[in-house]
Amino acid sequence: MQSPPPTPLEKDYWQQVKRITGRLLVVWIALILIVVLFVPRLGITVYGVPLTYWLISSVLLLSFLGLVACYAWRLDRLESEFKRAVENNRNLPGDRHEEQHRRGGETPL
C-alpha cells in the first residue's frame, strides 16, 4: 500500500526541521573545530593542564547539552505552530487533504 503524497504543510514542516537541524549541526562542528584546531596554538595551561583539555571536557559538553535543549525547544515551538495551522486548515471548505489530516492518530469515521 502506497502512502499518500505529503501535504504542502508537511513539506514546509520538514524543510524547517532540516533547516534547524543543519544550523545547529554547523554550530556544533564550528565549536569543535575552534577548540581542536585553534586553542592548542595559544599554548595556555591551567593548573599544568592544557586549556584544550578543559574546554573539551567541560565547555564542549555543556554547549552540546545547550544545543540539544535549543533543538528540543525550537522543534516544540515549530510543532505547535504547525498543529495550529493544520487545525485551521481542517475547517476550510474544499479541503482535499482530509485523509492526510486524520493521519495524526485519529481514525476516519
PDB file of N, CA and C in Angstrom:
ATOM      1  N   MET A   1       0.835  -1.172   0.000  1.00  0.00           N
ATOM      2  CA  MET A   1       0.000   0.000   0.000  1.00  0.00           C
ATOM      3  C   MET A   1       0.883   1.240   0.000  1.00  0.00           C
ATOM      4  N   GLN A   2       0.626   2.108  -0.920  1.00  0.00           N
ATOM      5  CA  GLN A   2       1.434   3.302  -1.072  1.00  0.00           C
ATOM      6  C   GLN A   2       0.865   4.427  -0.211  1.00  0.00           C
ATOM      7  N   SER A   3       1.742   5.158   0.467  1.00  0.00           N
ATOM      8  CA  SER A   3       1.277   6.257   1.306  1.00  0.00           C
ATOM      9  C   SER A   3       0.919   7.458   0.432  1.00  0.00           C
ATOM     10  N   PRO A   4      -0.041   8.255   0.888  1.00  0.00           N
ATOM     11  CA  PRO A   4      -0.444   9.421   0.100  1.00  0.00           C
ATOM     12  C   PRO A   4       0.667  10.467   0.065  1.00  0.00           C
ATOM     13  N   PRO A   5       0.674  11.306  -0.957  1.00  0.00           N
ATOM     14  CA  PRO A   5       1.716  12.335  -1.037  1.00  0.00           C
ATOM     15  C   PRO A   5       1.581  13.332   0.116  1.00  0.00           C
ATOM     16  N   PRO A   6       2.687  13.909   0.563  1.00  0.00           N
ATOM     17  CA  PRO A   6       2.610  14.852   1.679  1.00  0.00           C
ATOM     18  C   PRO A   6       1.888  16.136   1.286  1.00  0.00           C
ATOM     19  N   THR A   7       1.252  16.727   2.268  1.00  0.00           N
ATOM     20  CA  THR A   7       0.569  18.000   2.039  1.00  0.00           C
ATOM     21  C   THR A   7       1.609  19.111   1.982  1.00  0.00           C
ATOM     22  N   PRO A   8       1.248  20.284   1.472  1.00  0.00           N
ATOM     23  CA  PRO A   8       2.190  21.406   1.489  1.00  0.00           C
ATOM     24  C   PRO A   8       2.628  21.770   2.900  1.00  0.00           C
ATOM     25  N   LEU A   9       1.730  21.630   3.882  1.00  0.00           N
ATOM     26  CA  LEU A   9       2.117  21.913   5.267  1.00  0.00           C
ATOM     27  C   LEU A   9       3.175  20.937   5.762  1.00  0.00           C
ATOM     28  N   GLU A  10       3.014  19.659   5.407  1.00  0.00           N
ATOM     29  CA  GLU A  10       4.004  18.659   5.825  1.00  0.00           C
ATOM     30  C   GLU A  10       5.361  18.922   5.174  1.00  0.00           C
ATOM     31  N   LYS A  11       5.354  19.298   3.906  1.00  0.00           N
ATOM     32  CA  LYS A  11       6.619  19.614   3.227  1.00  0.00           C
ATOM     33  C   LYS A  11       7.312  20.798   3.894  1.00  0.00           C
ATOM     34  N   ASP A  12       6.540  21.825   4.194  1.00  0.00           N
ATOM     35  CA  ASP A  12       7.097  23.013   4.839  1.00  0.00           C
ATOM     36  C   ASP A  12       7.638  22.680   6.223  1.00  0.00           C
ATOM     37  N   TYR A  13       6.919  21.848   6.965  1.00  0.00           N
ATOM     38  CA  TYR A  13       7.356  21.436   8.303  1.00  0.00           C
ATOM     39  C   TYR A  13       8.716  20.737   8.227  1.00  0.00           C
ATOM     40  N   TRP A  14       8.855  19.770   7.314  1.00  0.00           N
ATOM     41  CA  TRP A  14      10.108  19.024   7.233  1.00  0.00           C
ATOM     42  C   TRP A  14      11.253  19.874   6.700  1.00  0.00           C
ATOM     43  N   GLN A  15      10.964  20.826   5.844  1.00  0.00           N
ATOM     44  CA  GLN A  15      12.021  21.742   5.398  1.00  0.00           C
ATOM     45  C   GLN A  15      12.540  22.567   6.576  1.00  0.00           C
ATOM     46  N   GLN A  16      11.636  23.021   7.424  1.00  0.00           N
ATOM     47  CA  GLN A  16      12.077  23.809   8.576  1.00  0.00           C
ATOM     48  C   GLN A  16      12.821  22.949   9.587  1.00  0.00           C
ATOM     49  N   VAL A  17      12.412  21.694   9.767  1.00  0.00           N
ATOM     50  CA  VAL A  17      13.144  20.786  10.662  1.00  0.00           C
ATOM     51  C   VAL A  17      14.563  20.582  10.150  1.00  0.00           C
ATOM     52  N   LYS A  18      14.706  20.370   8.846  1.00  0.00           N
ATOM     53  CA  LYS A  18      16.047  20.198   8.260  1.00  0.00           C
ATOM     54  C   LYS A  18      16.885  21.453   8.438  1.00  0.00           C
ATOM     55  N   ARG A  19      16.274  22.621   8.269  1.00  0.00           N
ATOM     56  CA  ARG A  19      16.989  23.884   8.413  1.00  0.00           C
ATOM     57  C   ARG A  19      17.492  24.065   9.848  1.00  0.00           C
ATOM     58  N   ILE A  20      16.641  23.803  10.822  1.00  0.00           N
ATOM     59  CA  ILE A  20      17.035  23.927  12.233  1.00  0.00           C
ATOM     60  C   ILE A  20      18.144  22.938  12.561  1.00  0.00           C
ATOM     61  N   THR A  21      17.979  21.699  12.120  1.00  0.00           N
ATOM     62  CA  THR A  21      18.987  20.669  12.386  1.00  0.00           C
ATOM     63  C   THR A  21      20.324  21.036  11.751  1.00  0.00           C
ATOM     64  N   GLY A  22      20.293  21.503  10.527  1.00  0.00           N
ATOM     65  CA  GLY A  22      21.526  21.882   9.836  1.00  0.00           C
ATOM     66  C   GLY A  22      22.253  23.034  10.519  1.00  0.00           C
ATOM     67  N   ARG A  23      21.500  24.041  10.926  1.00  0.00           N
ATOM     68  CA  ARG A  23      22.140  25.187  11.587  1.00  0.00           C
ATOM     69  C   ARG A  23      22.784  24.789  12.908  1.00  0.00           C
ATOM     70  N   LEU A  24      22.085  24.003  13.708  1.00  0.00           N
ATOM     71  CA  LEU A  24      22.662  23.592  14.992  1.00  0.00           C
ATOM     72  C   LEU A  24      23.845  22.650  14.793  1.00  0.00           C
ATOM     73  N   LEU A  25      23.803  21.833  13.759  1.00  0.00           N
ATOM     74  CA  LEU A  25      24.931  20.960  13.465  1.00  0.00           C
ATOM     75  C   LEU A  25      26.157  21.774  13.041  1.00  0.00           C
ATOM     76  N   VAL A  26      25.945  22.825  12.261  1.00  0.00           N
ATOM     77  CA  VAL A  26      27.059  23.699  11.857  1.00  0.00           C
ATOM     78  C   VAL A  26      27.666  24.385  13.083  1.00  0.00           C
ATOM     79  N   VAL A  27      26.827  24.829  14.014  1.00  0.00           N
ATOM     80  CA  VAL A  27      27.337  25.459  15.241  1.00  0.00           C
ATOM     81  C   VAL A  27      28.170  24.456  16.026  1.00  0.00           C
ATOM     82  N   TRP A  28      27.684  23.229  16.167  1.00  0.00           N
ATOM     83  CA  TRP A  28      28.407  22.208  16.925  1.00  0.00           C
ATOM     84  C   TRP A  28      29.759  21.886  16.275  1.00  0.00           C
ATOM     85  N   ILE A  29      29.778  21.721  14.956  1.00  0.00           N
ATOM     86  CA  ILE A  29      31.029  21.433  14.258  1.00  0.00           C
ATOM     87  C   ILE A  29      31.998  22.605  14.373  1.00  0.00           C
ATOM     88  N   ALA A  30      31.493  23.828  14.281  1.00  0.00           N
ATOM     89  CA  ALA A  30      32.354  25.008  14.419  1.00  0.00           C
ATOM     90  C   ALA A  30      32.977  25.067  15.806  1.00  0.00           C
ATOM     91  N   LEU A  31      32.200  24.788  16.831  1.00  0.00           N
ATOM     92  CA  LEU A  31      32.750  24.788  18.194  1.00  0.00           C
ATOM     93  C   LEU A  31      33.858  23.757  18.345  1.00  0.00           C
ATOM     94  N   ILE A  32      33.642  22.571  17.822  1.00  0.00           N
ATOM     95  CA  ILE A  32      34.656  21.519  17.926  1.00  0.00           C
ATOM     96  C   ILE A  32      35.926  21.919  17.176  1.00  0.00           C
ATOM     97  N   LEU A  33      35.763  22.425  15.963  1.00  0.00           N
ATOM     98  CA  LEU A  33      36.946  22.794  15.175  1.00  0.00           C
ATOM     99  C   LEU A  33      37.724  23.937  15.816  1.00  0.00           C
ATOM    100  N   ILE A  34      37.029  24.905  16.386  1.00  0.00           N
ATOM    101  CA  ILE A  34      37.718  26.012  17.057  1.00  0.00           C
ATOM    102  C   ILE A  34      38.548  25.494  18.210  1.00  0.00           C
ATOM    103  N   VAL A  35      37.954  24.624  19.022  1.00  0.00           N
ATOM    104  CA  VAL A  35      38.685  24.113  20.193  1.00  0.00           C
ATOM    105  C   VAL A  35      39.849  23.223  19.778  1.00  0.00           C
ATOM    106  N   VAL A  36      39.628  22.353  18.828  1.00  0.00           N
ATOM    107  CA  VAL A  36      40.669  21.383  18.464  1.00  0.00           C
ATOM    108  C   VAL A  36      41.777  22.010  17.625  1.00  0.00           C
ATOM    109  N   LEU A  37      41.443  22.938  16.733  1.00  0.00           N
ATOM    110  CA  LEU A  37      42.450  23.460  15.819  1.00  0.00           C
ATOM    111  C   LEU A  37      43.139  24.736  16.299  1.00  0.00           C
ATOM    112  N   PHE A  38      42.405  25.627  16.954  1.00  0.00           N
ATOM    113  CA  PHE A  38      42.975  26.932  17.249  1.00  0.00           C
ATOM    114  C   PHE A  38      43.412  27.135  18.700  1.00  0.00           C
ATOM    115  N   VAL A  39      42.731  26.522  19.642  1.00  0.00           N
ATOM    116  CA  VAL A  39      43.088  26.741  21.046  1.00  0.00           C
ATOM    117  C   VAL A  39      44.462  26.164  21.396  1.00  0.00           C
ATOM    118  N   PRO A  40      44.875  24.985  20.897  1.00  0.00           N
ATOM    119  CA  PRO A  40      46.219  24.488  21.242  1.00  0.00           C
ATOM    120  C   PRO A  40      47.344  25.429  20.802  1.00  0.00           C
ATOM    121  N   ARG A  41      47.121  26.226  19.778  1.00  0.00           N
ATOM    122  CA  ARG A  41      48.149  27.149  19.311  1.00  0.00           C
ATOM    123  C   ARG A  41      48.393  28.291  20.289  1.00  0.00           C
ATOM    124  N   LEU A  42      47.423  28.534  21.169  1.00  0.00           N
ATOM    125  CA  LEU A  42      47.609  29.595  22.161  1.00  0.00           C
ATOM    126  C   LEU A  42      48.623  29.192  23.222  1.00  0.00           C
ATOM    127  N   GLY A  43      48.719  27.903  23.495  1.00  0.00           N
ATOM    128  CA  GLY A  43      49.693  27.413  24.458  1.00  0.00           C
ATOM    129  C   GLY A  43      49.359  27.761  25.900  1.00  0.00           C
ATOM    130  N   ILE A  44      48.119  27.979  26.215  1.00  0.00           N
ATOM    131  CA  ILE A  44      47.705  28.339  27.574  1.00  0.00           C
ATOM    132  C   ILE A  44      47.518  27.060  28.393  1.00  0.00           C
ATOM    133  N   THR A  45      48.017  27.073  29.623  1.00  0.00           N
ATOM    134  CA  THR A  45      47.807  25.954  30.542  1.00  0.00           C
ATOM    135  C   THR A  45      47.121  26.464  31.804  1.00  0.00           C
ATOM    136  N   VAL A  46      46.256  25.621  32.340  1.00  0.00           N
ATOM    137  CA  VAL A  46      45.565  25.931  33.588  1.00  0.00           C
ATOM    138  C   VAL A  46      45.884  24.808  34.559  1.00  0.00           C
ATOM    139  N   TYR A  47      46.553  25.143  35.662  1.00  0.00           N
ATOM    140  CA  TYR A  47      46.993  24.154  36.663  1.00  0.00           C
ATOM    141  C   TYR A  47      47.850  23.068  36.026  1.00  0.00           C
ATOM    142  N   GLY A  48      48.659  23.428  35.055  1.00  0.00           N
ATOM    143  CA  GLY A  48      49.563  22.489  34.419  1.00  0.00           C
ATOM    144  C   GLY A  48      48.935  21.628  33.337  1.00  0.00           C
ATOM    145  N   VAL A  49      47.666  21.840  33.058  1.00  0.00           N
ATOM    146  CA  VAL A  49      46.962  21.056  32.036  1.00  0.00           C
ATOM    147  C   VAL A  49      46.597  22.005  30.895  1.00  0.00           C
ATOM    148  N   PRO A  50      46.775  21.584  29.641  1.00  0.00           N
ATOM    149  CA  PRO A  50      46.449  22.468  28.510  1.00  0.00           C
ATOM    150  C   PRO A  50      44.980  22.926  28.533  1.00  0.00           C
ATOM    151  N   LEU A  51      44.766  24.143  28.078  1.00  0.00           N
ATOM    152  CA  LEU A  51      43.419  24.722  28.043  1.00  0.00           C
ATOM    153  C   LEU A  51      42.479  23.894  27.169  1.00  0.00           C
ATOM    154  N   THR A  52      43.019  23.256  26.144  1.00  0.00           N
ATOM    155  CA  THR A  52      42.198  22.438  25.260  1.00  0.00           C
ATOM    156  C   THR A  52      41.482  21.331  26.041  1.00  0.00           C
ATOM    157  N   TYR A  53      42.175  20.713  26.977  1.00  0.00           N
ATOM    158  CA  TYR A  53      41.557  19.660  27.785  1.00  0.00           C
ATOM    159  C   TYR A  53      40.354  20.207  28.553  1.00  0.00           C
ATOM    160  N   TRP A  54      40.521  21.363  29.174  1.00  0.00           N
ATOM    161  CA  TRP A  54      39.433  21.943  29.969  1.00  0.00           C
ATOM    162  C   TRP A  54      38.245  22.304  29.082  1.00  0.00           C
ATOM    163  N   LEU A  55      38.531  22.838  27.914  1.00  0.00           N
ATOM    164  CA  LEU A  55      37.439  23.218  27.019  1.00  0.00           C
ATOM    165  C   LEU A  55      36.685  21.993  26.494  1.00  0.00           C
ATOM    166  N   ILE A  56      37.427  20.948  26.124  1.00  0.00           N
ATOM    167  CA  ILE A  56      36.772  19.751  25.611  1.00  0.00           C
ATOM    168  C   ILE A  56      35.987  19.049  26.716  1.00  0.00           C
ATOM    169  N   SER A  57      36.558  18.963  27.904  1.00  0.00           N
ATOM    170  CA  SER A  57      35.909  18.195  28.963  1.00  0.00           C
ATOM    171  C   SER A  57      34.719  18.908  29.580  1.00  0.00           C
ATOM    172  N   SER A  58      34.674  20.204  29.544  1.00  0.00           N
ATOM    173  CA  SER A  58      33.554  20.879  30.211  1.00  0.00           C
ATOM    174  C   SER A  58      32.761  21.776  29.274  1.00  0.00           C
ATOM    175  N   VAL A  59      33.416  22.684  28.603  1.00  0.00           N
ATOM    176  CA  VAL A  59      32.700  23.672  27.797  1.00  0.00           C
ATOM    177  C   VAL A  59      31.991  23.026  26.611  1.00  0.00           C
ATOM    178  N   LEU A  60      32.661  22.133  25.907  1.00  0.00           N
ATOM    179  CA  LEU A  60      32.012  21.492  24.768  1.00  0.00           C
ATOM    180  C   LEU A  60      30.867  20.582  25.203  1.00  0.00           C
ATOM    181  N   LEU A  61      31.017  19.928  26.339  1.00  0.00           N
ATOM    182  CA  LEU A  61      29.934  19.097  26.851  1.00  0.00           C
ATOM    183  C   LEU A  61      28.716  19.952  27.206  1.00  0.00           C
ATOM    184  N   LEU A  62      28.934  21.057  27.883  1.00  0.00           N
ATOM    185  CA  LEU A  62      27.830  21.948  28.246  1.00  0.00           C
ATOM    186  C   LEU A  62      27.213  22.604  27.015  1.00  0.00           C
ATOM    187  N   SER A  63      28.044  22.947  26.036  1.00  0.00           N
ATOM    188  CA  SER A  63      27.489  23.548  24.821  1.00  0.00           C
ATOM    189  C   SER A  63      26.661  22.518  24.042  1.00  0.00           C
ATOM    190  N   PHE A  64      27.075  21.248  24.059  1.00  0.00           N
ATOM    191  CA  PHE A  64      26.282  20.202  23.408  1.00  0.00           C
ATOM    192  C   PHE A  64      24.923  20.062  24.084  1.00  0.00           C
ATOM    193  N   LEU A  65      24.916  20.056  25.407  1.00  0.00           N
ATOM    194  CA  LEU A  65      23.641  19.965  26.127  1.00  0.00           C
ATOM    195  C   LEU A  65      22.771  21.186  25.841  1.00  0.00           C
ATOM    196  N   GLY A  66      23.392  22.351  25.723  1.00  0.00           N
ATOM    197  CA  GLY A  66      22.652  23.559  25.380  1.00  0.00           C
ATOM    198  C   GLY A  66      22.058  23.481  23.980  1.00  0.00           C
ATOM    199  N   LEU A  67      22.815  22.939  23.033  1.00  0.00           N
ATOM    200  CA  LEU A  67      22.300  22.777  21.670  1.00  0.00           C
ATOM    201  C   LEU A  67      21.143  21.776  21.621  1.00  0.00           C
ATOM    202  N   VAL A  68      21.228  20.709  22.407  1.00  0.00           N
ATOM    203  CA  VAL A  68      20.134  19.736  22.461  1.00  0.00           C
ATOM    204  C   VAL A  68      18.886  20.390  23.042  1.00  0.00           C
ATOM    205  N   ALA A  69      19.045  21.179  24.095  1.00  0.00           N
ATOM    206  CA  ALA A  69      17.908  21.882  24.694  1.00  0.00           C
ATOM    207  C   ALA A  69      17.322  22.887  23.706  1.00  0.00           C
ATOM    208  N   CYS A  70      18.174  23.597  22.984  1.00  0.00           N
ATOM    209  CA  CYS A  70      17.710  24.553  21.976  1.00  0.00           C
ATOM    210  C   CYS A  70      16.951  23.841  20.868  1.00  0.00           C
ATOM    211  N   TYR A  71      17.454  22.691  20.433  1.00  0.00           N
ATOM    212  CA  TYR A  71      16.792  21.907  19.388  1.00  0.00           C
ATOM    213  C   TYR A  71      15.406  21.456  19.849  1.00  0.00           C
ATOM    214  N   ALA A  72      15.330  20.950  21.074  1.00  0.00           N
ATOM    215  CA  ALA A  72      14.040  20.486  21.592  1.00  0.00           C
ATOM    216  C   ALA A  72      13.062  21.651  21.710  1.00  0.00           C
ATOM    217  N   TRP A  73      13.526  22.787  22.188  1.00  0.00           N
ATOM    218  CA  TRP A  73      12.658  23.958  22.343  1.00  0.00           C
ATOM    219  C   TRP A  73      12.158  24.443  20.991  1.00  0.00           C
ATOM    220  N   ARG A  74      13.070  24.549  20.008  1.00  0.00           N
ATOM    221  CA  ARG A  74      12.687  25.039  18.682  1.00  0.00           C
ATOM    222  C   ARG A  74      11.711  24.086  17.998  1.00  0.00           C
ATOM    223  N   LEU A  75      11.945  22.778  18.098  1.00  0.00           N
ATOM    224  CA  LEU A  75      11.038  21.830  17.455  1.00  0.00           C
ATOM    225  C   LEU A  75       9.690  21.785  18.169  1.00  0.00           C
ATOM    226  N   ASP A  76       9.670  21.962  19.465  1.00  0.00           N
ATOM    227  CA  ASP A  76       8.404  22.019  20.188  1.00  0.00           C
ATOM    228  C   ASP A  76       7.584  23.220  19.727  1.00  0.00           C
ATOM    229  N   ARG A  77       8.250  24.352  19.585  1.00  0.00           N
ATOM    230  CA  ARG A  77       7.572  25.559  19.097  1.00  0.00           C
ATOM    231  C   ARG A  77       7.088  25.378  17.655  1.00  0.00           C
ATOM    232  N   LEU A  78       7.917  24.780  16.822  1.00  0.00           N
ATOM    233  CA  LEU A  78       7.552  24.544  15.427  1.00  0.00           C
ATOM    234  C   LEU A  78       6.365  23.591  15.326  1.00  0.00           C
ATOM    235  N   GLU A  79       6.378  22.545  16.136  1.00  0.00           N
ATOM    236  CA  GLU A  79       5.279  21.589  16.120  1.00  0.00           C
ATOM    237  C   GLU A  79       3.962  22.227  16.528  1.00  0.00           C
ATOM    238  N   SER A  80       3.994  23.063  17.554  1.00  0.00           N
ATOM    239  CA  SER A  80       2.755  23.713  17.983  1.00  0.00           C
ATOM    240  C   SER A  80       2.235  24.667  16.905  1.00  0.00           C
ATOM    241  N   GLU A  81       3.128  25.354  16.205  1.00  0.00           N
ATOM    242  CA  GLU A  81       2.705  26.235  15.115  1.00  0.00           C
ATOM    243  C   GLU A  81       2.021  25.440  14.001  1.00  0.00           C
ATOM    244  N   PHE A  82       2.602  24.310  13.626  1.00  0.00           N
ATOM    245  CA  PHE A  82       2.038  23.534  12.534  1.00  0.00           C
ATOM    246  C   PHE A  82       0.771  22.797  12.962  1.00  0.00           C
ATOM    247  N   LYS A  83       0.656  22.423  14.228  1.00  0.00           N
ATOM    248  CA  LYS A  83      -0.592  21.825  14.694  1.00  0.00           C
ATOM    249  C   LYS A  83      -1.719  22.837  14.589  1.00  0.00           C
ATOM    250  N   ARG A  84      -1.417  24.088  14.957  1.00  0.00           N
ATOM    251  CA  ARG A  84      -2.423  25.145  14.833  1.00  0.00           C
ATOM    252  C   ARG A  84      -2.794  25.361  13.370  1.00  0.00           C
ATOM    253  N   ALA A  85      -1.803  25.335  12.487  1.00  0.00           N
ATOM    254  CA  ALA A  85      -2.067  25.542  11.060  1.00  0.00           C
ATOM    255  C   ALA A  85      -2.915  24.414  10.496  1.00  0.00           C
ATOM    256  N   VAL A  86      -2.658  23.175  10.905  1.00  0.00           N
ATOM    257  CA  VAL A  86      -3.451  22.048  10.420  1.00  0.00           C
ATOM    258  C   VAL A  86      -4.877  22.142  10.951  1.00  0.00           C
ATOM    259  N   GLU A  87      -5.021  22.510  12.220  1.00  0.00           N
ATOM    260  CA  GLU A  87      -6.367  22.657  12.785  1.00  0.00           C
ATOM    261  C   GLU A  87      -7.153  23.738  12.052  1.00  0.00           C
ATOM    262  N   ASN A  88      -6.490  24.849  11.729  1.00  0.00           N
ATOM    263  CA  ASN A  88      -7.164  25.917  10.995  1.00  0.00           C
ATOM    264  C   ASN A  88      -7.489  25.487   9.572  1.00  0.00           C
ATOM    265  N   ASN A  89      -6.637  24.666   8.982  1.00  0.00           N
ATOM    266  CA  ASN A  89      -6.827  24.218   7.601  1.00  0.00           C
ATOM    267  C   ASN A  89      -7.961  23.206   7.499  1.00  0.00           C
ATOM    268  N   ARG A  90      -8.231  22.462   8.559  1.00  0.00           N
ATOM    269  CA  ARG A  90      -9.292  21.452   8.523  1.00  0.00           C
ATOM    270  C   ARG A  90     -10.661  22.084   8.326  1.00  0.00           C
ATOM    271  N   ASN A  91     -10.821  23.307   8.793  1.00  0.00           N
ATOM    272  CA  ASN A  91     -12.121  23.939   8.740  1.00  0.00           C
ATOM    273  C   ASN A  91     -12.401  24.625   7.406  1.00  0.00           C
ATOM    274  N   LEU A  92     -11.433  24.625   6.506  1.00  0.00           N
ATOM    275  CA  LEU A  92     -11.637  25.282   5.227  1.00  0.00           C
ATOM    276  C   LEU A  92     -12.503  24.421   4.314  1.00  0.00           C
ATOM    277  N   PRO A  93     -13.480  25.024   3.631  1.00  0.00           N
ATOM    278  CA  PRO A  93     -14.281  24.238   2.695  1.00  0.00           C
ATOM    279  C   PRO A  93     -13.434  23.833   1.484  1.00  0.00           C
ATOM    280  N   GLY A  94     -13.695  22.648   0.971  1.00  0.00           N
ATOM    281  CA  GLY A  94     -12.969  22.176  -0.202  1.00  0.00           C
ATOM    282  C   GLY A  94     -11.580  21.664   0.107  1.00  0.00           C
ATOM    283  N   ASP A  95     -11.311  21.323   1.367  1.00  0.00           N
ATOM    284  CA  ASP A  95     -10.003  20.803   1.744  1.00  0.00           C
ATOM    285  C   ASP A  95      -9.839  19.414   1.128  1.00  0.00           C
ATOM    286  N   ARG A  96      -8.862  19.248   0.237  1.00  0.00           N
ATOM    287  CA  ARG A  96      -8.676  17.981  -0.475  1.00  0.00           C
ATOM    288  C   ARG A  96      -7.823  16.997   0.302  1.00  0.00           C
ATOM    289  N   HIS A  97      -7.249  17.399   1.419  1.00  0.00           N
ATOM    290  CA  HIS A  97      -6.308  16.545   2.150  1.00  0.00           C
ATOM    291  C   HIS A  97      -6.910  16.034   3.456  1.00  0.00           C
ATOM    292  N   GLU A  98      -8.197  15.790   3.467  1.00  0.00           N
ATOM    293  CA  GLU A  98      -8.866  15.369   4.703  1.00  0.00           C
ATOM    294  C   GLU A  98      -8.288  14.075   5.245  1.00  0.00           C
ATOM    295  N   GLU A  99      -8.019  13.108   4.387  1.00  0.00           N
ATOM    296  CA  GLU A  99      -7.464  11.830   4.842  1.00  0.00           C
ATOM    297  C   GLU A  99      -6.086  12.030   5.468  1.00  0.00           C
ATOM    298  N   GLN A 100      -5.297  12.920   4.917  1.00  0.00           N
ATOM    299  CA  GLN A 100      -3.956  13.152   5.449  1.00  0.00           C
ATOM    300  C   GLN A 100      -4.009  13.891   6.768  1.00  0.00           C
ATOM    301  N   HIS A 101      -5.004  14.706   6.974  1.00  0.00           N
ATOM    302  CA  HIS A 101      -5.126  15.395   8.259  1.00  0.00           C
ATOM    303  C   HIS A 101      -5.445  14.404   9.365  1.00  0.00           C
ATOM    304  N   ARG A 102      -6.113  13.357   9.002  1.00  0.00           N
ATOM    305  CA  ARG A 102      -6.506  12.360  10.009  1.00  0.00           C
ATOM    306  C   ARG A 102      -5.381  11.426  10.396  1.00  0.00           C
ATOM    307  N   ARG A 103      -4.264  11.469   9.684  1.00  0.00           N
ATOM    308  CA  ARG A 103      -3.168  10.554   9.969  1.00  0.00           C
ATOM    309  C   ARG A 103      -2.534  10.763  11.334  1.00  0.00           C
ATOM    310  N   GLY A 104      -2.858  11.854  11.993  1.00  0.00           N
ATOM    311  CA  GLY A 104      -2.219  12.154  13.268  1.00  0.00           C
ATOM    312  C   GLY A 104      -2.699  11.302  14.423  1.00  0.00           C
ATOM    313  N   GLY A 105      -3.369  10.208  14.205  1.00  0.00           N
ATOM    314  CA  GLY A 105      -3.780   9.344  15.272  1.00  0.00           C
ATOM    315  C   GLY A 105      -5.269   9.082  15.280  1.00  0.00           C
ATOM    316  N   GLU A 106      -6.041   9.972  14.710  1.00  0.00           N
ATOM    317  CA  GLU A 106      -7.483   9.766  14.658  1.00  0.00           C
ATOM    318  C   GLU A 106      -7.813   8.811  13.506  1.00  0.00           C
ATOM    319  N   THR A 107      -8.771   7.962  13.732  1.00  0.00           N
ATOM    320  CA  THR A 107      -9.206   7.077  12.662  1.00  0.00           C
ATOM    321  C   THR A 107     -10.376   7.714  11.930  1.00  0.00           C
ATOM    322  N   PRO A 108     -10.407   7.605  10.606  1.00  0.00           N
ATOM    323  CA  PRO A 108     -11.515   8.202   9.864  1.00  0.00           C
ATOM    324  C   PRO A 108     -12.824   7.506  10.188  1.00  0.00           C
ATOM    325  N   LEU A 109     -13.874   8.275  10.226  1.00  0.00           N
ATOM    326  CA  LEU A 109     -15.202   7.714  10.517  1.00  0.00           C
ATOM    327  C   LEU A 109     -15.891   7.244   9.280  1.00  0.00           C
TER     328      LEU A 109
END
